Amino acid sequence: TKMEEIPHHPLITVTPESVKKVRQMCEIDDVQKIKDCLDIIEEWISKQDHLVEASKYITRNLLERVFLIAKGSTEGTKRRIERLLTSRGMMPELCMNRTVEEFETQWDVV
């Protein structure tokens, strides 16, 4: 399935085993449940007028990462996505010319 494909990234090597381990660590290893939750989140984003434009930049892969950060909470994922995109729109300087390390610390806030 598309979700199970791991996109190539030049800086990070992600294996199917590491994806499985992270899901197990978060106690979210039911792939169908993940897909269902991500479908709900994508539908919610498409209905939010203030997020529709930004939604074209949000991949399923990114959504799953935020879902895992939110410990499998659909509502927690929605909150994080909304806060991230709203703050990015209000203060684009937060996201421009930033290193990966600088973004790492922002996830703790949203």
Protein backbone atom coordinates (compact mmCIF):
# COMPACT_ATOMS: atom_id res chain seq x y z
CA THR A 1 0.00 0.00 0.00
CA LYS A 2 1.02 3.58 -0.47
CA MET A 3 1.44 4.27 3.25
CA GLU A 4 3.83 1.35 3.58
CA GLU A 5 6.15 2.77 0.93
CA ILE A 6 8.99 4.61 2.56
CA PRO A 7 10.02 7.62 0.51
CA HIS A 8 13.72 8.13 -0.07
CA HIS A 9 15.27 10.94 1.91
CA PRO A 10 18.87 12.01 1.28
CA LEU A 11 19.61 12.66 4.97
CA ILE A 12 17.74 9.87 6.75
CA THR A 13 17.66 6.15 6.10
CA VAL A 14 14.35 4.66 7.19
CA THR A 15 13.81 0.94 6.95
CA PRO A 16 10.53 -0.98 7.19
CA GLU A 17 11.87 -2.46 10.43
CA SER A 18 12.43 0.96 11.98
CA VAL A 19 8.91 2.05 11.01
CA LYS A 20 7.52 -1.08 12.65
CA LYS A 21 9.58 -0.52 15.82
CA VAL A 22 8.47 3.09 16.17
CA ARG A 23 4.83 2.09 15.72
CA GLN A 24 5.24 -0.62 18.35
CA MET A 25 6.96 1.77 20.76
CA CYS A 26 3.99 4.11 20.42
CA GLU A 27 1.64 1.12 20.74
CA ILE A 28 0.14 1.96 17.36
CA ASP A 29 1.01 -1.00 15.19
CA ASP A 30 -2.44 -1.63 13.67
CA VAL A 31 -1.87 -0.39 10.11
CA GLN A 32 -5.60 -0.28 9.32
CA LYS A 33 -6.28 1.85 12.40
CA ILE A 34 -3.51 4.24 11.35
CA LYS A 35 -4.96 4.51 7.83
CA ASP A 36 -8.47 5.11 9.18
CA CYS A 37 -7.25 7.83 11.55
CA LEU A 38 -5.21 9.52 8.82
CA ASP A 39 -8.28 9.47 6.54
CA ILE A 40 -10.27 11.21 9.27
CA ILE A 41 -7.53 13.81 9.75
CA GLU A 42 -7.21 14.47 6.00
CA GLU A 43 -10.97 14.92 5.73
CA TRP A 44 -10.93 17.30 8.70
CA ILE A 45 -8.09 19.35 7.16
CA SER A 46 -10.00 19.63 3.87
CA LYS A 47 -12.97 21.13 5.74
CA GLN A 48 -10.91 23.76 7.56
CA ASP A 49 -10.96 26.89 5.40
CA HIS A 50 -7.80 28.25 6.99
CA LEU A 51 -5.87 24.99 6.37
CA VAL A 52 -7.02 24.02 2.87
CA GLU A 53 -4.25 25.90 1.05
CA ALA A 54 -1.52 24.45 3.25
CA SER A 55 -2.98 20.95 3.06
CA LYS A 56 -1.47 20.36 -0.37
CA TYR A 57 1.95 20.32 1.31
CA ILE A 58 0.98 17.74 3.92
CA THR A 59 1.78 14.20 2.85
CA ARG A 60 0.42 11.02 4.42
CA ASN A 61 3.94 10.34 5.58
CA LEU A 62 4.09 13.64 7.45
CA LEU A 63 0.62 13.07 8.87
CA GLU A 64 1.67 9.69 10.22
CA ARG A 65 4.72 11.25 11.86
CA VAL A 66 2.57 13.85 13.58
CA PHE A 67 0.10 11.10 14.51
CA LEU A 68 2.93 9.17 16.18
CA ILE A 69 4.18 12.30 17.94
CA ALA A 70 0.62 12.73 19.23
CA LYS A 71 0.81 9.14 20.56
CA GLY A 72 -1.94 7.90 18.25
CA SER A 73 -4.44 10.58 19.16
CA THR A 74 -6.53 11.79 16.24
CA GLU A 75 -7.54 14.93 18.14
CA GLY A 76 -3.95 15.53 19.26
CA THR A 77 -2.80 15.26 15.65
CA LYS A 78 -5.44 17.75 14.52
CA ARG A 79 -4.37 20.17 17.25
CA ARG A 80 -0.69 19.91 16.32
CA ILE A 81 -1.34 20.32 12.59
CA GLU A 82 -3.59 23.32 13.18
CA ARG A 83 -1.14 25.00 15.54
CA LEU A 84 1.82 24.39 13.27
CA LEU A 85 0.11 25.66 10.12
CA THR A 86 -1.59 28.58 11.84
CA SER A 87 1.64 29.78 13.44
CA ARG A 88 3.49 29.28 10.16
CA GLY A 89 0.94 31.45 8.37
CA MET A 90 1.02 34.16 11.02
CA MET A 91 4.80 34.17 11.43
CA PRO A 92 6.49 32.66 8.36
CA GLU A 93 9.89 33.66 9.72
CA LEU A 94 9.49 30.74 12.16
CA CYS A 95 9.86 28.31 9.28
CA MET A 96 12.05 30.10 6.80
CA ASN A 97 15.78 29.48 6.74
CA ARG A 98 15.66 27.01 9.62
CA THR A 99 17.74 23.93 10.19
CA VAL A 100 16.26 20.53 10.92
CA GLU A 101 17.49 20.81 14.50
CA GLU A 102 15.59 24.06 15.01
CA PHE A 103 12.36 22.37 13.90
CA GLU A 104 12.90 19.50 16.34
CA THR A 105 12.42 21.84 19.30
CA GLN A 106 9.22 23.33 17.85
CA TRP A 107 7.36 19.99 18.01
CA ASP A 108 7.55 20.10 21.79
CA VAL A 109 5.68 23.39 21.75
CA VAL A 110 2.87 22.46 19.34
